[in-house]
Amino acid sequence: MRTAASLRRYDRAKRVLDFSVAAAALTVASPALVMIGGLVAVNLGRPVLFQQDRPGRNGRVFRLYKFRTMKNVDLERGLITDEERLTPFGRVLRATSLDELPTLANVLRGEMSLVGPRPLLVRYMDRYTAEQSRRHEVRPGVTGLAQCSGRNALAWETKFQLDVEYVENRSLFLDAMIIARTLRAVLARDGVTAEGHASMPEFGEESEHAGK
């Protein structure tokens, strides 16, 4: 069993790696960020970025950044579903995970990690069981054990089990394995969406729209 001291050493080492990799990736990818931002503006209009509050470590809320992939239509008036709002261009961004590039800024700021449970919607917080809530013991990740094990094709219960499994067994070796498996999944475009949904069905309330 790992001690609190060993977990603190892991957390410090992981934070250094997260910051270094995110800074390098944002620098290298800066031309792609500008190009994709321009394409989003042309295809979907403004704003270019999707911004939404998400719960992070210990439930602390932060603002998540991604490239926008959907038409900017008023969902509150029930004009169109998420599936209808998702454009062919947006599908390509999601399938290749290029919409996630701005999320590296969240990693740089320490709100997220490269690897960890995906940050979901704030309104889900009071729907978790005590066991499922353990996913918030660590920083949320750009990718995680659930994402490289089936992504949105997995049932919610399975996703949360994998999130808790990661929390209990987290290590730099596991992080490296998850990143390698994620790259393979992205190249194969596996599990991008659940059947009949733009991403996943709503957790806990089927009648509401799914989170991004």
C-alpha atoms as a PDB file:
ATOM      1  CA  MET A   1       0.000   0.000   0.000  1.00  0.00           C
ATOM      2  CA  ARG A   2       1.363   3.424  -0.943  1.00  0.00           C
ATOM      3  CA  THR A   3       2.026   5.984   1.749  1.00  0.00           C
ATOM      4  CA  ALA A   4       0.843   9.591   1.789  1.00  0.00           C
ATOM      5  CA  ALA A   5       4.464  10.662   1.237  1.00  0.00           C
ATOM      6  CA  SER A   6       4.801   8.536  -1.909  1.00  0.00           C
ATOM      7  CA  LEU A   7       1.563   9.968  -3.298  1.00  0.00           C
ATOM      8  CA  ARG A   8       2.824  13.498  -2.651  1.00  0.00           C
ATOM      9  CA  ARG A   9       6.047  12.698  -4.542  1.00  0.00           C
ATOM     10  CA  TYR A  10       3.994  11.306  -7.405  1.00  0.00           C
ATOM     11  CA  ASP A  11       1.769  14.399  -7.456  1.00  0.00           C
ATOM     12  CA  ARG A  12       4.800  16.726  -7.569  1.00  0.00           C
ATOM     13  CA  ALA A  13       6.487  14.747 -10.346  1.00  0.00           C
ATOM     14  CA  LYS A  14       3.252  14.567 -12.322  1.00  0.00           C
ATOM     15  CA  ARG A  15       2.676  18.310 -12.029  1.00  0.00           C
ATOM     16  CA  VAL A  16       6.170  19.029 -13.378  1.00  0.00           C
ATOM     17  CA  LEU A  17       5.555  16.679 -16.309  1.00  0.00           C
ATOM     18  CA  ASP A  18       2.088  18.107 -16.959  1.00  0.00           C
ATOM     19  CA  PHE A  19       3.395  21.674 -17.061  1.00  0.00           C
ATOM     20  CA  SER A  20       6.419  20.814 -19.213  1.00  0.00           C
ATOM     21  CA  VAL A  21       4.472  18.733 -21.759  1.00  0.00           C
ATOM     22  CA  ALA A  22       1.553  21.200 -21.961  1.00  0.00           C
ATOM     23  CA  ALA A  23       3.892  24.176 -22.449  1.00  0.00           C
ATOM     24  CA  ALA A  24       5.855  22.367 -25.161  1.00  0.00           C
ATOM     25  CA  ALA A  25       2.718  21.073 -26.885  1.00  0.00           C
ATOM     26  CA  LEU A  26       1.059  24.503 -26.947  1.00  0.00           C
ATOM     27  CA  THR A  27       4.221  26.033 -28.415  1.00  0.00           C
ATOM     28  CA  VAL A  28       4.583  23.392 -31.120  1.00  0.00           C
ATOM     29  CA  ALA A  29       0.853  23.334 -31.863  1.00  0.00           C
ATOM     30  CA  SER A  30       0.406  27.123 -31.966  1.00  0.00           C
ATOM     31  CA  PRO A  31       0.175  27.230 -35.814  1.00  0.00           C
ATOM     32  CA  ALA A  32      -2.439  24.449 -35.700  1.00  0.00           C
ATOM     33  CA  LEU A  33      -4.366  26.297 -32.986  1.00  0.00           C
ATOM     34  CA  VAL A  34      -4.530  29.421 -35.149  1.00  0.00           C
ATOM     35  CA  MET A  35      -5.537  27.423 -38.231  1.00  0.00           C
ATOM     36  CA  ILE A  36      -8.229  25.406 -36.433  1.00  0.00           C
ATOM     37  CA  GLY A  37      -9.539  28.555 -34.768  1.00  0.00           C
ATOM     38  CA  GLY A  38      -9.887  30.164 -38.174  1.00  0.00           C
ATOM     39  CA  LEU A  39     -11.700  27.124 -39.561  1.00  0.00           C
ATOM     40  CA  VAL A  40     -14.086  27.100 -36.608  1.00  0.00           C
ATOM     41  CA  ALA A  41     -14.845  30.783 -37.192  1.00  0.00           C
ATOM     42  CA  VAL A  42     -15.533  30.156 -40.892  1.00  0.00           C
ATOM     43  CA  ASN A  43     -17.599  26.988 -40.391  1.00  0.00           C
ATOM     44  CA  LEU A  44     -19.417  27.759 -37.136  1.00  0.00           C
ATOM     45  CA  GLY A  45     -18.962  31.465 -36.537  1.00  0.00           C
ATOM     46  CA  ARG A  46     -18.023  33.007 -33.227  1.00  0.00           C
ATOM     47  CA  PRO A  47     -17.200  32.377 -30.471  1.00  0.00           C
ATOM     48  CA  VAL A  48     -14.414  30.037 -31.550  1.00  0.00           C
ATOM     49  CA  LEU A  49     -13.990  28.489 -28.112  1.00  0.00           C
ATOM     50  CA  PHE A  50     -16.485  26.438 -26.121  1.00  0.00           C
ATOM     51  CA  GLN A  51     -16.229  27.455 -22.462  1.00  0.00           C
ATOM     52  CA  GLN A  52     -17.988  25.757 -19.583  1.00  0.00           C
ATOM     53  CA  ASP A  53     -17.568  25.417 -15.813  1.00  0.00           C
ATOM     54  CA  ARG A  54     -16.481  21.924 -14.761  1.00  0.00           C
ATOM     55  CA  PRO A  55     -15.628  20.439 -11.340  1.00  0.00           C
ATOM     56  CA  GLY A  56     -11.966  19.678 -10.736  1.00  0.00           C
ATOM     57  CA  ARG A  57      -9.969  18.221  -7.885  1.00  0.00           C
ATOM     58  CA  ASN A  58     -11.979  18.155  -4.649  1.00  0.00           C
ATOM     59  CA  GLY A  59     -14.934  19.514  -6.618  1.00  0.00           C
ATOM     60  CA  ARG A  60     -13.358  22.943  -7.163  1.00  0.00           C
ATOM     61  CA  VAL A  61     -14.980  24.489 -10.249  1.00  0.00           C
ATOM     62  CA  PHE A  62     -12.857  25.823 -13.136  1.00  0.00           C
ATOM     63  CA  ARG A  63     -13.531  27.051 -16.686  1.00  0.00           C
ATOM     64  CA  LEU A  64     -12.841  24.408 -19.352  1.00  0.00           C
ATOM     65  CA  TYR A  65     -11.738  25.453 -22.858  1.00  0.00           C
ATOM     66  CA  LYS A  66     -12.264  23.532 -26.111  1.00  0.00           C
ATOM     67  CA  PHE A  67     -12.798  24.400 -29.745  1.00  0.00           C
ATOM     68  CA  ARG A  68     -16.491  24.725 -30.527  1.00  0.00           C
ATOM     69  CA  THR A  69     -17.942  21.847 -32.571  1.00  0.00           C
ATOM     70  CA  MET A  70     -21.671  22.677 -32.593  1.00  0.00           C
ATOM     71  CA  LYS A  71     -23.932  25.262 -34.181  1.00  0.00           C
ATOM     72  CA  ASN A  72     -24.652  28.130 -31.814  1.00  0.00           C
ATOM     73  CA  VAL A  73     -28.401  27.528 -31.418  1.00  0.00           C
ATOM     74  CA  ASP A  74     -30.573  28.232 -28.369  1.00  0.00           C
ATOM     75  CA  LEU A  75     -31.132  24.843 -26.712  1.00  0.00           C
ATOM     76  CA  GLU A  76     -33.216  26.371 -23.935  1.00  0.00           C
ATOM     77  CA  ARG A  77     -36.044  26.954 -26.404  1.00  0.00           C
ATOM     78  CA  GLY A  78     -35.784  23.379 -27.666  1.00  0.00           C
ATOM     79  CA  LEU A  79     -35.049  24.427 -31.230  1.00  0.00           C
ATOM     80  CA  ILE A  80     -32.579  21.667 -32.033  1.00  0.00           C
ATOM     81  CA  THR A  81     -30.892  18.685 -30.345  1.00  0.00           C
ATOM     82  CA  ASP A  82     -27.160  18.280 -29.675  1.00  0.00           C
ATOM     83  CA  GLU A  83     -27.031  15.617 -32.385  1.00  0.00           C
ATOM     84  CA  GLU A  84     -28.519  18.066 -34.892  1.00  0.00           C
ATOM     85  CA  ARG A  85     -26.224  20.890 -33.763  1.00  0.00           C
ATOM     86  CA  LEU A  86     -23.077  18.810 -34.326  1.00  0.00           C
ATOM     87  CA  THR A  87     -21.795  19.633 -37.817  1.00  0.00           C
ATOM     88  CA  PRO A  88     -19.702  17.384 -40.121  1.00  0.00           C
ATOM     89  CA  PHE A  89     -16.765  19.711 -39.443  1.00  0.00           C
ATOM     90  CA  GLY A  90     -17.368  19.376 -35.718  1.00  0.00           C
ATOM     91  CA  ARG A  91     -17.487  15.593 -36.009  1.00  0.00           C
ATOM     92  CA  VAL A  92     -14.029  15.610 -37.580  1.00  0.00           C
ATOM     93  CA  LEU A  93     -12.661  17.770 -34.768  1.00  0.00           C
ATOM     94  CA  ARG A  94     -14.123  15.416 -32.159  1.00  0.00           C
ATOM     95  CA  ALA A  95     -13.064  12.219 -33.917  1.00  0.00           C
ATOM     96  CA  THR A  96      -9.459  13.445 -34.125  1.00  0.00           C
ATOM     97  CA  SER A  97      -9.611  15.068 -30.651  1.00  0.00           C
ATOM     98  CA  LEU A  98      -8.333  18.331 -32.168  1.00  0.00           C
ATOM     99  CA  ASP A  99     -11.151  20.131 -30.350  1.00  0.00           C
ATOM    100  CA  GLU A 100      -9.282  19.307 -27.118  1.00  0.00           C
ATOM    101  CA  LEU A 101      -6.114  21.302 -27.955  1.00  0.00           C
ATOM    102  CA  PRO A 102      -7.186  24.445 -26.005  1.00  0.00           C
ATOM    103  CA  THR A 103      -7.652  22.217 -22.936  1.00  0.00           C
ATOM    104  CA  LEU A 104      -3.852  22.146 -22.667  1.00  0.00           C
ATOM    105  CA  ALA A 105      -4.204  25.681 -21.259  1.00  0.00           C
ATOM    106  CA  ASN A 106      -6.165  24.164 -18.355  1.00  0.00           C
ATOM    107  CA  VAL A 107      -3.284  21.725 -17.807  1.00  0.00           C
ATOM    108  CA  LEU A 108      -0.762  24.570 -17.875  1.00  0.00           C
ATOM    109  CA  ARG A 109      -2.775  26.437 -15.228  1.00  0.00           C
ATOM    110  CA  GLY A 110      -2.897  23.394 -12.944  1.00  0.00           C
ATOM    111  CA  GLU A 111      -6.663  22.946 -13.198  1.00  0.00           C
ATOM    112  CA  MET A 112      -6.275  19.678 -15.102  1.00  0.00           C
ATOM    113  CA  SER A 113      -3.700  16.985 -15.739  1.00  0.00           C
ATOM    114  CA  LEU A 114      -2.788  15.194 -18.938  1.00  0.00           C
ATOM    115  CA  VAL A 115      -4.187  12.008 -17.384  1.00  0.00           C
ATOM    116  CA  GLY A 116      -7.095  11.649 -14.985  1.00  0.00           C
ATOM    117  CA  PRO A 117     -10.870  11.202 -14.908  1.00  0.00           C
ATOM    118  CA  ARG A 118     -12.558  13.427 -17.493  1.00  0.00           C
ATOM    119  CA  PRO A 119     -14.187  16.565 -16.002  1.00  0.00           C
ATOM    120  CA  LEU A 120     -17.953  16.222 -16.376  1.00  0.00           C
ATOM    121  CA  LEU A 121     -20.821  18.628 -15.749  1.00  0.00           C
ATOM    122  CA  VAL A 122     -21.196  20.520 -12.464  1.00  0.00           C
ATOM    123  CA  ARG A 123     -24.811  19.380 -12.135  1.00  0.00           C
ATOM    124  CA  TYR A 124     -23.655  15.755 -11.943  1.00  0.00           C
ATOM    125  CA  MET A 125     -21.935  16.367  -8.604  1.00  0.00           C
ATOM    126  CA  ASP A 126     -24.971  15.610  -6.448  1.00  0.00           C
ATOM    127  CA  ARG A 127     -25.829  12.505  -8.495  1.00  0.00           C
ATOM    128  CA  TYR A 128     -22.665  10.522  -7.684  1.00  0.00           C
ATOM    129  CA  THR A 129     -22.500   7.765  -5.105  1.00  0.00           C
ATOM    130  CA  ALA A 130     -19.790   8.111  -2.467  1.00  0.00           C
ATOM    131  CA  GLU A 131     -17.628   5.687  -4.450  1.00  0.00           C
ATOM    132  CA  GLN A 132     -18.136   7.532  -7.744  1.00  0.00           C
ATOM    133  CA  SER A 133     -17.256  10.831  -6.066  1.00  0.00           C
ATOM    134  CA  ARG A 134     -13.733   9.503  -5.506  1.00  0.00           C
ATOM    135  CA  ARG A 135     -12.996  10.484  -9.116  1.00  0.00           C
ATOM    136  CA  HIS A 136     -12.549  14.024  -7.728  1.00  0.00           C
ATOM    137  CA  GLU A 137      -9.661  13.030  -5.454  1.00  0.00           C
ATOM    138  CA  VAL A 138      -7.284  13.821  -8.329  1.00  0.00           C
ATOM    139  CA  ARG A 139      -7.068  16.482 -11.023  1.00  0.00           C
ATOM    140  CA  PRO A 140      -9.294  15.719 -14.007  1.00  0.00           C
ATOM    141  CA  GLY A 141      -7.496  14.718 -17.183  1.00  0.00           C
ATOM    142  CA  VAL A 142      -7.421  15.452 -20.891  1.00  0.00           C
ATOM    143  CA  THR A 143      -7.564  11.677 -21.190  1.00  0.00           C
ATOM    144  CA  GLY A 144      -8.063   8.890 -18.699  1.00  0.00           C
ATOM    145  CA  LEU A 145      -8.459   5.164 -18.180  1.00  0.00           C
ATOM    146  CA  ALA A 146     -12.090   5.292 -19.325  1.00  0.00           C
ATOM    147  CA  GLN A 147     -11.198   7.257 -22.469  1.00  0.00           C
ATOM    148  CA  CYS A 148      -8.616   4.726 -23.627  1.00  0.00           C
ATOM    149  CA  SER A 149     -10.898   1.808 -22.715  1.00  0.00           C
ATOM    150  CA  GLY A 150     -13.892   2.674 -24.871  1.00  0.00           C
ATOM    151  CA  ARG A 151     -14.474   6.406 -24.548  1.00  0.00           C
ATOM    152  CA  ASN A 152     -18.144   7.366 -25.037  1.00  0.00           C
ATOM    153  CA  ALA A 153     -19.160   3.840 -26.054  1.00  0.00           C
ATOM    154  CA  LEU A 154     -18.918   2.809 -22.380  1.00  0.00           C
ATOM    155  CA  ALA A 155     -21.846   2.869 -19.971  1.00  0.00           C
ATOM    156  CA  TRP A 156     -21.647   5.473 -17.218  1.00  0.00           C
ATOM    157  CA  GLU A 157     -21.243   2.839 -14.492  1.00  0.00           C
ATOM    158  CA  THR A 158     -18.273   1.318 -16.310  1.00  0.00           C
ATOM    159  CA  LYS A 159     -16.696   4.735 -16.817  1.00  0.00           C
ATOM    160  CA  PHE A 160     -16.940   5.574 -13.132  1.00  0.00           C
ATOM    161  CA  GLN A 161     -15.513   2.193 -12.125  1.00  0.00           C
ATOM    162  CA  LEU A 162     -12.503   2.856 -14.357  1.00  0.00           C
ATOM    163  CA  ASP A 163     -12.141   6.382 -12.923  1.00  0.00           C
ATOM    164  CA  VAL A 164     -11.978   5.020  -9.377  1.00  0.00           C
ATOM    165  CA  GLU A 165      -9.616   2.251 -10.499  1.00  0.00           C
ATOM    166  CA  TYR A 166      -7.295   4.963 -11.806  1.00  0.00           C
ATOM    167  CA  VAL A 167      -7.496   6.928  -8.543  1.00  0.00           C
ATOM    168  CA  GLU A 168      -6.556   3.835  -6.546  1.00  0.00           C
ATOM    169  CA  ASN A 169      -3.697   2.741  -8.810  1.00  0.00           C
ATOM    170  CA  ARG A 170      -2.341   6.000 -10.219  1.00  0.00           C
ATOM    171  CA  SER A 171       1.333   6.058 -11.109  1.00  0.00           C
ATOM    172  CA  LEU A 172       3.597   7.546 -13.761  1.00  0.00           C
ATOM    173  CA  PHE A 173       3.789   4.141 -15.436  1.00  0.00           C
ATOM    174  CA  LEU A 174      -0.025   3.912 -15.617  1.00  0.00           C
ATOM    175  CA  ASP A 175      -0.165   7.477 -16.955  1.00  0.00           C
ATOM    176  CA  ALA A 176       2.294   6.599 -19.735  1.00  0.00           C
ATOM    177  CA  MET A 177       0.297   3.476 -20.610  1.00  0.00           C
ATOM    178  CA  ILE A 178      -2.955   5.469 -20.779  1.00  0.00           C
ATOM    179  CA  ILE A 179      -1.401   8.084 -23.081  1.00  0.00           C
ATOM    180  CA  ALA A 180      -0.085   5.363 -25.414  1.00  0.00           C
ATOM    181  CA  ARG A 181      -3.482   3.629 -25.495  1.00  0.00           C
ATOM    182  CA  THR A 182      -5.228   6.961 -26.049  1.00  0.00           C
ATOM    183  CA  LEU A 183      -3.087   7.704 -29.102  1.00  0.00           C
ATOM    184  CA  ARG A 184      -4.055   4.339 -30.582  1.00  0.00           C
ATOM    185  CA  ALA A 185      -7.749   4.963 -29.828  1.00  0.00           C
ATOM    186  CA  VAL A 186      -7.635   8.426 -31.431  1.00  0.00           C
ATOM    187  CA  LEU A 187      -5.964   7.073 -34.569  1.00  0.00           C
ATOM    188  CA  ALA A 188      -8.593   4.321 -34.771  1.00  0.00           C
ATOM    189  CA  ARG A 189     -11.376   6.833 -33.902  1.00  0.00           C
ATOM    190  CA  ASP A 190     -12.874   4.339 -31.460  1.00  0.00           C
ATOM    191  CA  GLY A 191     -15.807   5.203 -29.186  1.00  0.00           C
ATOM    192  CA  VAL A 192     -16.157   8.842 -30.263  1.00  0.00           C
ATOM    193  CA  THR A 193     -19.906   8.897 -29.592  1.00  0.00           C
ATOM    194  CA  ALA A 194     -22.561   6.741 -27.994  1.00  0.00           C
ATOM    195  CA  GLU A 195     -25.137   5.496 -30.481  1.00  0.00           C
ATOM    196  CA  GLY A 196     -27.770   8.160 -31.202  1.00  0.00           C
ATOM    197  CA  HIS A 197     -25.953  10.913 -29.274  1.00  0.00           C
ATOM    198  CA  ALA A 198     -23.553  13.752 -30.028  1.00  0.00           C
ATOM    199  CA  SER A 199     -21.318  12.436 -27.244  1.00  0.00           C
ATOM    200  CA  MET A 200     -22.949  10.582 -24.325  1.00  0.00           C
ATOM    201  CA  PRO A 201     -26.497  10.396 -22.911  1.00  0.00           C
ATOM    202  CA  GLU A 202     -27.159  12.499 -19.844  1.00  0.00           C
ATOM    203  CA  PHE A 203     -25.976  10.884 -16.608  1.00  0.00           C
ATOM    204  CA  GLY A 204     -28.858  10.295 -14.215  1.00  0.00           C
ATOM    205  CA  GLU A 205     -31.546  12.155 -16.150  1.00  0.00           C
ATOM    206  CA  GLU A 206     -32.293  10.753 -19.605  1.00  0.00           C
ATOM    207  CA  SER A 207     -34.632  13.604 -20.476  1.00  0.00           C
ATOM    208  CA  GLU A 208     -31.930  16.291 -20.345  1.00  0.00           C
ATOM    209  CA  HIS A 209     -29.333  17.040 -22.992  1.00  0.00           C
ATOM    210  CA  ALA A 210     -25.980  15.249 -22.811  1.00  0.00           C
ATOM    211  CA  GLY A 211     -22.853  17.076 -21.632  1.00  0.00           C
ATOM    212  CA  LYS A 212     -20.063  17.759 -24.049  1.00  0.00           C
END
